[in-house]
C-alpha atoms as a PDB file:
ATOM      1  CA  MET A   1       0.000   0.000   0.000  1.00  0.00           C
ATOM      2  CA  GLU A   2       2.895   2.360   0.697  1.00  0.00           C
ATOM      3  CA  VAL A   3       4.161   2.212  -2.874  1.00  0.00           C
ATOM      4  CA  ILE A   4       0.657   2.884  -4.204  1.00  0.00           C
ATOM      5  CA  TYR A   5       0.260   5.904  -1.938  1.00  0.00           C
ATOM      6  CA  THR A   6       3.724   7.224  -2.807  1.00  0.00           C
ATOM      7  CA  MET A   7       3.174   7.003  -6.560  1.00  0.00           C
ATOM      8  CA  LEU A   8      -0.321   8.484  -6.247  1.00  0.00           C
ATOM      9  CA  ILE A   9       0.962  11.526  -4.333  1.00  0.00           C
ATOM     10  CA  ARG A  10       3.831  11.941  -6.792  1.00  0.00           C
ATOM     11  CA  GLN A  11       1.489  12.032  -9.788  1.00  0.00           C
ATOM     12  CA  VAL A  12      -0.734  14.590  -8.073  1.00  0.00           C
ATOM     13  CA  LYS A  13       2.274  16.773  -7.199  1.00  0.00           C
ATOM     14  CA  LEU A  14       3.573  16.600 -10.767  1.00  0.00           C
ATOM     15  CA  PHE A  15       0.222  17.809 -12.013  1.00  0.00           C
ATOM     16  CA  TYR A  16      -0.090  20.547  -9.393  1.00  0.00           C
ATOM     17  CA  ARG A  17       3.391  21.935 -10.127  1.00  0.00           C
ATOM     18  CA  SER A  18       2.741  22.211 -13.875  1.00  0.00           C
ATOM     19  CA  ARG A  19       0.620  25.322 -14.206  1.00  0.00           C
ATOM     20  CA  PRO A  20       0.492  25.222 -18.054  1.00  0.00           C
ATOM     21  CA  ARG A  21      -0.780  21.644 -17.841  1.00  0.00           C
ATOM     22  CA  ILE A  22      -3.473  22.689 -15.380  1.00  0.00           C
ATOM     23  CA  MET A  23      -4.582  25.594 -17.531  1.00  0.00           C
ATOM     24  CA  GLY A  24      -4.604  23.490 -20.702  1.00  0.00           C
ATOM     25  CA  SER A  25      -6.553  20.655 -19.114  1.00  0.00           C
ATOM     26  CA  ILE A  26      -9.231  23.125 -18.009  1.00  0.00           C
ATOM     27  CA  ALA A  27      -9.258  25.367 -21.088  1.00  0.00           C
ATOM     28  CA  GLN A  28      -9.845  22.606 -23.656  1.00  0.00           C
ATOM     29  CA  PRO A  29     -13.060  21.105 -22.185  1.00  0.00           C
ATOM     30  CA  THR A  30     -14.320  24.578 -21.276  1.00  0.00           C
ATOM     31  CA  LEU A  31     -13.875  25.683 -24.885  1.00  0.00           C
ATOM     32  CA  PHE A  32     -15.768  22.608 -26.116  1.00  0.00           C
ATOM     33  CA  LEU A  33     -18.503  23.243 -23.573  1.00  0.00           C
ATOM     34  CA  LEU A  34     -18.977  26.871 -24.559  1.00  0.00           C
ATOM     35  CA  ALA A  35     -18.630  26.374 -28.321  1.00  0.00           C
ATOM     36  CA  LEU A  36     -20.902  23.342 -28.563  1.00  0.00           C
ATOM     37  CA  GLY A  37     -23.342  24.473 -25.894  1.00  0.00           C
ATOM     38  CA  LEU A  38     -23.856  27.922 -27.376  1.00  0.00           C
ATOM     39  CA  GLY A  39     -23.711  26.641 -30.954  1.00  0.00           C
ATOM     40  CA  PHE A  40     -25.892  23.536 -30.893  1.00  0.00           C
ATOM     41  CA  GLY A  41     -27.958  24.286 -27.785  1.00  0.00           C
ATOM     42  CA  PRO A  42     -30.431  26.626 -29.540  1.00  0.00           C
ATOM     43  CA  VAL A  43     -30.781  24.145 -32.430  1.00  0.00           C
ATOM     44  CA  PHE A  44     -31.817  21.311 -30.127  1.00  0.00           C
ATOM     45  CA  GLU A  45     -34.105  23.639 -28.177  1.00  0.00           C
ATOM     46  CA  GLN A  46     -35.959  24.549 -31.375  1.00  0.00           C
ATOM     47  CA  THR A  47     -36.541  20.897 -32.212  1.00  0.00           C
ATOM     48  CA  GLY A  48     -37.670  20.229 -28.661  1.00  0.00           C
ATOM     49  CA  GLU A  49     -35.891  16.859 -28.609  1.00  0.00           C
ATOM     50  CA  LEU A  50     -33.664  17.366 -25.576  1.00  0.00           C
ATOM     51  CA  ASP A  51     -32.076  19.893 -23.252  1.00  0.00           C
ATOM     52  CA  TYR A  52     -28.667  20.005 -24.897  1.00  0.00           C
ATOM     53  CA  ILE A  53     -26.776  21.478 -21.940  1.00  0.00           C
ATOM     54  CA  GLN A  54     -28.065  18.660 -19.733  1.00  0.00           C
ATOM     55  CA  TYR A  55     -26.963  16.212 -22.404  1.00  0.00           C
ATOM     56  CA  LEU A  56     -23.615  17.822 -23.255  1.00  0.00           C
ATOM     57  CA  THR A  57     -22.154  18.549 -19.829  1.00  0.00           C
ATOM     58  CA  PRO A  58     -21.598  14.903 -18.755  1.00  0.00           C
ATOM     59  CA  GLY A  59     -20.019  14.258 -22.160  1.00  0.00           C
ATOM     60  CA  ILE A  60     -17.565  17.138 -21.776  1.00  0.00           C
ATOM     61  CA  ILE A  61     -16.717  16.023 -18.235  1.00  0.00           C
ATOM     62  CA  GLY A  62     -16.130  12.565 -19.684  1.00  0.00           C
ATOM     63  CA  MET A  63     -13.831  14.131 -22.269  1.00  0.00           C
ATOM     64  CA  SER A  64     -11.731  15.765 -19.547  1.00  0.00           C
ATOM     65  CA  LEU A  65     -11.489  12.403 -17.768  1.00  0.00           C
ATOM     66  CA  LEU A  66     -10.506  10.638 -20.984  1.00  0.00           C
ATOM     67  CA  PHE A  67      -7.849  13.142 -22.073  1.00  0.00           C
ATOM     68  CA  GLY A  68      -6.410  13.643 -18.594  1.00  0.00           C
ATOM     69  CA  SER A  69      -6.209   9.920 -17.800  1.00  0.00           C
ATOM     70  CA  MET A  70      -4.732   8.777 -21.091  1.00  0.00           C
ATOM     71  CA  MET A  71      -2.141  11.565 -21.287  1.00  0.00           C
ATOM     72  CA  ASN A  72      -1.016  10.708 -17.755  1.00  0.00           C
ATOM     73  CA  GLY A  73       1.117   8.049 -19.402  1.00  0.00           C
ATOM     74  CA  MET A  74       3.460  10.793 -20.629  1.00  0.00           C
ATOM     75  CA  SER A  75       5.019  10.973 -17.167  1.00  0.00           C
ATOM     76  CA  LEU A  76       5.980   7.300 -17.490  1.00  0.00           C
ATOM     77  CA  ILE A  77       7.930   8.044 -20.664  1.00  0.00           C
ATOM     78  CA  TRP A  78       9.717  10.918 -18.918  1.00  0.00           C
ATOM     79  CA  ASP A  79      10.592   8.586 -16.049  1.00  0.00           C
ATOM     80  CA  LYS A  80      11.979   6.032 -18.489  1.00  0.00           C
ATOM     81  CA  LYS A  81      13.995   8.698 -20.261  1.00  0.00           C
ATOM     82  CA  PHE A  82      15.640  10.123 -17.143  1.00  0.00           C
ATOM     83  CA  GLY A  83      16.084   6.911 -15.171  1.00  0.00           C
ATOM     84  CA  PHE A  84      13.498   7.385 -12.426  1.00  0.00           C
ATOM     85  CA  LEU A  85      11.446   4.417 -13.628  1.00  0.00           C
ATOM     86  CA  LYS A  86      14.463   2.134 -13.373  1.00  0.00           C
ATOM     87  CA  GLU A  87      15.010   3.239  -9.777  1.00  0.00           C
ATOM     88  CA  THR A  88      11.418   2.449  -8.846  1.00  0.00           C
ATOM     89  CA  LEU A  89      11.467  -0.894 -10.645  1.00  0.00           C
ATOM     90  CA  VAL A  90      14.499  -2.148  -8.710  1.00  0.00           C
ATOM     91  CA  ALA A  91      12.946  -1.115  -5.392  1.00  0.00           C
ATOM     92  CA  PRO A  92      11.652  -3.939  -3.159  1.00  0.00           C
ATOM     93  CA  ALA A  93       8.044  -3.283  -4.123  1.00  0.00           C
ATOM     94  CA  PRO A  94       5.645  -5.132  -6.416  1.00  0.00           C
ATOM     95  CA  ARG A  95       5.495  -3.663  -9.899  1.00  0.00           C
ATOM     96  CA  THR A  96       1.732  -4.023  -9.882  1.00  0.00           C
ATOM     97  CA  GLY A  97       1.715  -1.534  -7.019  1.00  0.00           C
ATOM     98  CA  LEU A  98       3.654   0.929  -9.172  1.00  0.00           C
ATOM     99  CA  LEU A  99       1.091   0.546 -11.935  1.00  0.00           C
ATOM    100  CA  VAL A 100      -1.851   0.962  -9.574  1.00  0.00           C
ATOM    101  CA  GLY A 101      -0.277   3.969  -7.851  1.00  0.00           C
ATOM    102  CA  ARG A 102       0.479   5.727 -11.117  1.00  0.00           C
ATOM    103  CA  SER A 103      -2.983   4.997 -12.441  1.00  0.00           C
ATOM    104  CA  LEU A 104      -4.726   6.174  -9.286  1.00  0.00           C
ATOM    105  CA  GLY A 105      -2.623   9.331  -9.338  1.00  0.00           C
ATOM    106  CA  GLY A 106      -3.637  10.009 -12.921  1.00  0.00           C
ATOM    107  CA  SER A 107      -7.258   9.269 -12.053  1.00  0.00           C
ATOM    108  CA  THR A 108      -7.153  11.691  -9.130  1.00  0.00           C
ATOM    109  CA  THR A 109      -5.882  14.561 -11.263  1.00  0.00           C
ATOM    110  CA  SER A 110      -8.483  13.740 -13.926  1.00  0.00           C
ATOM    111  CA  ILE A 111     -11.265  13.835 -11.347  1.00  0.00           C
ATOM    112  CA  LEU A 112     -10.072  17.263 -10.205  1.00  0.00           C
ATOM    113  CA  GLN A 113     -10.269  18.444 -13.819  1.00  0.00           C
ATOM    114  CA  GLY A 114     -13.738  16.945 -14.177  1.00  0.00           C
ATOM    115  CA  LEU A 115     -14.987  18.666 -11.033  1.00  0.00           C
ATOM    116  CA  ILE A 116     -13.675  22.012 -12.275  1.00  0.00           C
ATOM    117  CA  VAL A 117     -15.457  21.533 -15.599  1.00  0.00           C
ATOM    118  CA  PHE A 118     -18.641  20.571 -13.729  1.00  0.00           C
ATOM    119  CA  THR A 119     -18.434  23.748 -11.642  1.00  0.00           C
ATOM    120  CA  LEU A 120     -17.887  25.905 -14.724  1.00  0.00           C
ATOM    121  CA  SER A 121     -20.779  24.247 -16.559  1.00  0.00           C
ATOM    122  CA  THR A 122     -23.055  24.975 -13.613  1.00  0.00           C
ATOM    123  CA  ILE A 123     -21.977  28.614 -13.387  1.00  0.00           C
ATOM    124  CA  LEU A 124     -21.604  29.468 -17.078  1.00  0.00           C
ATOM    125  CA  MET A 125     -24.110  27.185 -18.815  1.00  0.00           C
ATOM    126  CA  GLY A 126     -26.769  26.626 -16.171  1.00  0.00           C
ATOM    127  CA  TYR A 127     -26.353  22.864 -15.893  1.00  0.00           C
ATOM    128  CA  ARG A 128     -28.617  21.322 -13.244  1.00  0.00           C
ATOM    129  CA  LEU A 129     -27.487  18.249 -11.345  1.00  0.00           C
ATOM    130  CA  GLY A 130     -30.221  15.659 -10.813  1.00  0.00           C
ATOM    131  CA  HIS A 131     -29.850  15.901  -7.027  1.00  0.00           C
ATOM    132  CA  VAL A 132     -27.035  16.951  -4.728  1.00  0.00           C
ATOM    133  CA  VAL A 133     -27.204  13.568  -3.002  1.00  0.00           C
ATOM    134  CA  VAL A 134     -25.685  11.883  -6.077  1.00  0.00           C
ATOM    135  CA  VAL A 135     -22.428  13.886  -5.868  1.00  0.00           C
ATOM    136  CA  PRO A 136     -20.495  11.102  -4.033  1.00  0.00           C
ATOM    137  CA  LEU A 137     -21.773   8.566  -6.563  1.00  0.00           C
ATOM    138  CA  VAL A 138     -20.759  10.852  -9.428  1.00  0.00           C
ATOM    139  CA  ILE A 139     -17.216  11.017  -8.025  1.00  0.00           C
ATOM    140  CA  VAL A 140     -17.113   7.219  -7.788  1.00  0.00           C
ATOM    141  CA  VAL A 141     -18.240   6.965 -11.410  1.00  0.00           C
ATOM    142  CA  MET A 142     -15.611   9.500 -12.444  1.00  0.00           C
ATOM    143  CA  LEU A 143     -12.957   7.451 -10.627  1.00  0.00           C
ATOM    144  CA  THR A 144     -14.080   4.286 -12.411  1.00  0.00           C
ATOM    145  CA  ILE A 145     -13.955   5.928 -15.836  1.00  0.00           C
ATOM    146  CA  SER A 146     -10.617   7.639 -15.294  1.00  0.00           C
ATOM    147  CA  LEU A 147      -9.040   4.485 -13.856  1.00  0.00           C
ATOM    148  CA  VAL A 148      -9.936   2.539 -17.006  1.00  0.00           C
ATOM    149  CA  PHE A 149      -8.178   5.017 -19.266  1.00  0.00           C
ATOM    150  CA  SER A 150      -5.315   5.784 -16.891  1.00  0.00           C
ATOM    151  CA  LEU A 151      -4.449   2.084 -16.853  1.00  0.00           C
ATOM    152  CA  LEU A 152      -4.703   1.978 -20.632  1.00  0.00           C
ATOM    153  CA  GLY A 153      -2.503   5.061 -20.984  1.00  0.00           C
ATOM    154  CA  ASN A 154       0.181   3.587 -18.719  1.00  0.00           C
ATOM    155  CA  ILE A 155       0.125   0.286 -20.608  1.00  0.00           C
ATOM    156  CA  ILE A 156       0.686   2.081 -23.905  1.00  0.00           C
ATOM    157  CA  ALA A 157       3.360   4.341 -22.405  1.00  0.00           C
ATOM    158  CA  ALA A 158       5.207   1.300 -21.077  1.00  0.00           C
ATOM    159  CA  LYS A 159       5.513   0.023 -24.656  1.00  0.00           C
ATOM    160  CA  VAL A 160       6.467   3.376 -26.228  1.00  0.00           C
ATOM    161  CA  ASP A 161       9.795   5.153 -25.754  1.00  0.00           C
ATOM    162  CA  ASP A 162       9.452   8.029 -28.208  1.00  0.00           C
ATOM    163  CA  PHE A 163       8.189  11.360 -26.844  1.00  0.00           C
ATOM    164  CA  GLU A 164       6.815  12.332 -30.249  1.00  0.00           C
ATOM    165  CA  ALA A 165       5.163   8.985 -30.931  1.00  0.00           C
ATOM    166  CA  PHE A 166       3.171   8.856 -27.693  1.00  0.00           C
ATOM    167  CA  PRO A 167       0.988  11.964 -28.290  1.00  0.00           C
ATOM    168  CA  THR A 168       0.371  10.781 -31.843  1.00  0.00           C
ATOM    169  CA  VAL A 169      -0.776   7.365 -30.659  1.00  0.00           C
ATOM    170  CA  MET A 170      -2.897   8.960 -27.941  1.00  0.00           C
ATOM    171  CA  ASN A 171      -4.657  11.319 -30.339  1.00  0.00           C
ATOM    172  CA  PHE A 172      -5.269   8.431 -32.734  1.00  0.00           C
ATOM    173  CA  LEU A 173      -7.086   6.608 -29.922  1.00  0.00           C
ATOM    174  CA  ILE A 174      -8.615   9.445 -27.909  1.00  0.00           C
ATOM    175  CA  LEU A 175     -10.358  11.437 -30.624  1.00  0.00           C
ATOM    176  CA  PRO A 176     -12.339   8.509 -32.135  1.00  0.00           C
ATOM    177  CA  MET A 177     -13.261   7.283 -28.656  1.00  0.00           C
ATOM    178  CA  PHE A 178     -14.529  10.740 -27.730  1.00  0.00           C
ATOM    179  CA  PHE A 179     -16.502  11.530 -30.879  1.00  0.00           C
ATOM    180  CA  LEU A 180     -18.002   8.025 -31.127  1.00  0.00           C
ATOM    181  CA  SER A 181     -19.090   7.795 -27.497  1.00  0.00           C
ATOM    182  CA  GLY A 182     -22.293   9.830 -27.586  1.00  0.00           C
ATOM    183  CA  ALA A 183     -20.577  12.581 -25.611  1.00  0.00           C
ATOM    184  CA  ILE A 184     -21.662  15.433 -27.897  1.00  0.00           C
ATOM    185  CA  PHE A 185     -24.514  13.986 -29.962  1.00  0.00           C
ATOM    186  CA  PRO A 186     -26.939  11.042 -29.669  1.00  0.00           C
ATOM    187  CA  ILE A 187     -25.722   7.890 -31.373  1.00  0.00           C
ATOM    188  CA  SER A 188     -29.041   6.050 -31.613  1.00  0.00           C
ATOM    189  CA  ASN A 189     -29.732   7.226 -35.177  1.00  0.00           C
ATOM    190  CA  LEU A 190     -26.279   6.533 -36.589  1.00  0.00           C
ATOM    191  CA  PRO A 191     -25.734   3.899 -39.319  1.00  0.00           C
ATOM    192  CA  PRO A 192     -25.637   0.308 -38.013  1.00  0.00           C
ATOM    193  CA  VAL A 193     -21.914  -0.067 -38.735  1.00  0.00           C
ATOM    194  CA  VAL A 194     -21.102   3.035 -36.710  1.00  0.00           C
ATOM    195  CA  ILE A 195     -23.378   1.942 -33.860  1.00  0.00           C
ATOM    196  CA  THR A 196     -21.435  -1.342 -33.740  1.00  0.00           C
ATOM    197  CA  VAL A 197     -18.216   0.642 -33.395  1.00  0.00           C
ATOM    198  CA  THR A 198     -19.690   2.721 -30.571  1.00  0.00           C
ATOM    199  CA  ARG A 199     -20.622  -0.455 -28.712  1.00  0.00           C
ATOM    200  CA  LEU A 200     -16.982  -1.551 -28.884  1.00  0.00           C
ATOM    201  CA  ASN A 201     -15.878   1.834 -27.571  1.00  0.00           C
ATOM    202  CA  PRO A 202     -15.258   1.754 -23.790  1.00  0.00           C
ATOM    203  CA  MET A 203     -15.865   5.499 -23.583  1.00  0.00           C
ATOM    204  CA  THR A 204     -19.485   4.950 -24.651  1.00  0.00           C
ATOM    205  CA  TYR A 205     -20.177   3.042 -21.442  1.00  0.00           C
ATOM    206  CA  GLY A 206     -18.390   5.659 -19.365  1.00  0.00           C
ATOM    207  CA  VAL A 207     -20.379   8.547 -20.841  1.00  0.00           C
ATOM    208  CA  ASN A 208     -23.678   6.675 -20.497  1.00  0.00           C
ATOM    209  CA  LEU A 209     -22.986   5.831 -16.866  1.00  0.00           C
ATOM    210  CA  LEU A 210     -21.843   9.356 -16.011  1.00  0.00           C
ATOM    211  CA  ARG A 211     -24.812  10.979 -17.772  1.00  0.00           C
ATOM    212  CA  GLY A 212     -27.313   8.654 -16.112  1.00  0.00           C
ATOM    213  CA  THR A 213     -25.793   9.272 -12.679  1.00  0.00           C
ATOM    214  CA  MET A 214     -25.587  13.056 -13.010  1.00  0.00           C
ATOM    215  CA  ASN A 215     -29.100  13.402 -14.432  1.00  0.00           C
ATOM    216  CA  LEU A 216     -30.503  10.942 -11.868  1.00  0.00           C
ATOM    217  CA  ASP A 217     -31.715   8.688 -14.658  1.00  0.00           C
ATOM    218  CA  LEU A 218     -30.423   5.364 -13.370  1.00  0.00           C
ATOM    219  CA  SER A 219     -31.571   2.176 -15.072  1.00  0.00           C
ATOM    220  CA  LEU A 220     -30.582  -1.398 -15.798  1.00  0.00           C
ATOM    221  CA  PHE A 221     -28.405  -0.141 -18.649  1.00  0.00           C
ATOM    222  CA  ASN A 222     -26.306   1.799 -16.139  1.00  0.00           C
ATOM    223  CA  LEU A 223     -25.565  -1.439 -14.306  1.00  0.00           C
ATOM    224  CA  VAL A 224     -24.378  -2.915 -17.594  1.00  0.00           C
ATOM    225  CA  ASP A 225     -22.216   0.152 -18.202  1.00  0.00           C
ATOM    226  CA  ALA A 226     -20.691  -0.157 -14.724  1.00  0.00           C
ATOM    227  CA  GLY A 227     -20.084  -3.865 -15.241  1.00  0.00           C
ATOM    228  CA  VAL A 228     -18.273  -3.261 -18.517  1.00  0.00           C
ATOM    229  CA  LEU A 229     -16.024  -0.606 -16.956  1.00  0.00           C
ATOM    230  CA  LEU A 230     -15.170  -2.808 -13.961  1.00  0.00           C
ATOM    231  CA  PHE A 231     -14.406  -5.691 -16.299  1.00  0.00           C
ATOM    232  CA  LEU A 232     -12.065  -3.458 -18.320  1.00  0.00           C
ATOM    233  CA  ILE A 233     -10.286  -2.356 -15.142  1.00  0.00           C
ATOM    234  CA  ALA A 234      -9.655  -5.998 -14.264  1.00  0.00           C
ATOM    235  CA  ILE A 235      -8.410  -6.768 -17.793  1.00  0.00           C
ATOM    236  CA  PHE A 236      -6.110  -3.733 -17.882  1.00  0.00           C
ATOM    237  CA  LEU A 237      -4.749  -4.532 -14.419  1.00  0.00           C
ATOM    238  CA  VAL A 238      -3.764  -8.013 -15.554  1.00  0.00           C
ATOM    239  CA  ALA A 239      -2.351  -6.776 -18.860  1.00  0.00           C
ATOM    240  CA  GLY A 240      -0.573  -3.840 -17.227  1.00  0.00           C
ATOM    241  CA  SER A 241       0.987  -6.027 -14.558  1.00  0.00           C
ATOM    242  CA  SER A 242       2.323  -8.326 -17.264  1.00  0.00           C
ATOM    243  CA  VAL A 243       3.753  -5.388 -19.225  1.00  0.00           C
ATOM    244  CA  PHE A 244       5.373  -3.825 -16.147  1.00  0.00           C
ATOM    245  CA  ASN A 245       6.897  -7.145 -15.121  1.00  0.00           C
ATOM    246  CA  LYS A 246       8.573  -7.406 -18.518  1.00  0.00           C
ATOM    247  CA  ILE A 247      10.198  -3.966 -18.383  1.00  0.00           C
ATOM    248  CA  GLU A 248      13.948  -4.463 -18.182  1.00  0.00           C
ATOM    249  CA  THR A 249      15.882  -2.691 -15.467  1.00  0.00           C
END
């Protein structure tokens, strides 16, 4: 447990000390929220199909969790480059603990970003949470989502050594997962082939679960979404442990 706590605190400190990273992680989802909310909100209001701000806000929060968690793997590449990873790997601590600590640290910083975006959406866009009592549950859901993608980001970073290659790989994965998750538009009327792709997209289940929890619209489908995310965490833990155990010191 000590190694998990140590790595978690380290990841949080790295994030806190990087002011440009903090500003960028907040500015990007806020820009999406304002641009899409002000641009498409009136269109959806005219059709009377849905309250777009209520629909969009959980998707944008999900985006901040996705981007923040996946890009957390960049710190692993820095640690490999400058030798810190080798020092931690030779320490008398299980490598799985290093993976879990790093991933929890990345998840924690992502949750902080998500909470900031939620606050801004409430103040600037008038988003209404289903009920204040669901706030603890929302945080648990955010942790589950961010842990899935933080584990995935660390697994990929463990296999990549090039600073320039990692952001390219991340963008190749992140952008399709975001746009094909139902975060910014309903996916029910998409072509069957695209709907199949969305069902294979783990972010779809995260956005659905987060939206249902925040809007207090819980159903059996939310239990399925939660089950899929927990299953992915278990799979990524096993895969990540295997990858970390194979890293040469």
